[in-house]
Amino acid sequence: MYQAGKLLVDELITAEIDQDGINDALDQFDRGAGIRSLVRY
């Protein structure tokens, strides 16, 4: 569905982080910000 353009996942992502930024992302999550982060490995 994503590849067909029927599932718009990209619009749901609020931030993209790498492994080094996981702790910062968790801090943001605790504050209620960046709740839809994508972790890139």
Protein backbone atom coordinates (compact mmCIF):
# COMPACT_ATOMS: atom_id res chain seq x y z
CA MET A 1 0.00 0.00 0.00
CA TYR A 2 2.89 2.35 0.78
CA GLN A 3 4.54 1.77 -2.58
CA ALA A 4 1.22 2.27 -4.33
CA GLY A 5 0.81 5.67 -2.62
CA LYS A 6 -2.25 4.60 -0.63
CA LEU A 7 -0.53 4.62 2.78
CA LEU A 8 1.06 8.01 3.44
CA VAL A 9 3.63 7.07 6.08
CA ASP A 10 6.08 9.89 5.28
CA GLU A 11 3.58 12.51 6.41
CA LEU A 12 3.32 10.86 9.83
CA ILE A 13 7.03 11.06 10.69
CA THR A 14 7.88 14.06 12.87
CA ALA A 15 11.66 13.47 13.04
CA GLU A 16 14.37 11.18 11.73
CA ILE A 17 17.17 10.27 14.11
CA ASP A 18 20.21 8.03 14.05
CA GLN A 19 21.33 5.67 16.79
CA ASP A 20 23.40 8.36 18.47
CA GLY A 21 20.27 10.50 18.94
CA ILE A 22 18.07 7.90 20.62
CA ASN A 23 18.51 9.33 24.12
CA ASP A 24 17.56 12.81 22.92
CA ALA A 25 14.54 11.37 21.10
CA LEU A 26 13.41 9.60 24.29
CA ASP A 27 13.75 12.87 26.21
CA GLN A 28 11.57 14.60 23.60
CA PHE A 29 9.06 11.77 23.83
CA ASP A 30 8.85 12.24 27.61
CA ARG A 31 8.08 15.94 27.02
CA GLY A 32 5.38 15.06 24.49
CA ALA A 33 7.33 16.24 21.46
CA GLY A 34 8.58 14.15 18.55
CA ILE A 35 6.26 11.26 19.26
CA ARG A 36 6.53 9.85 15.75
CA SER A 37 10.27 9.59 15.26
CA LEU A 38 11.92 7.27 12.78
CA VAL A 39 15.16 5.66 13.95
CA ARG A 40 17.64 4.99 11.16
CA TYR A 41 20.12 2.15 11.76
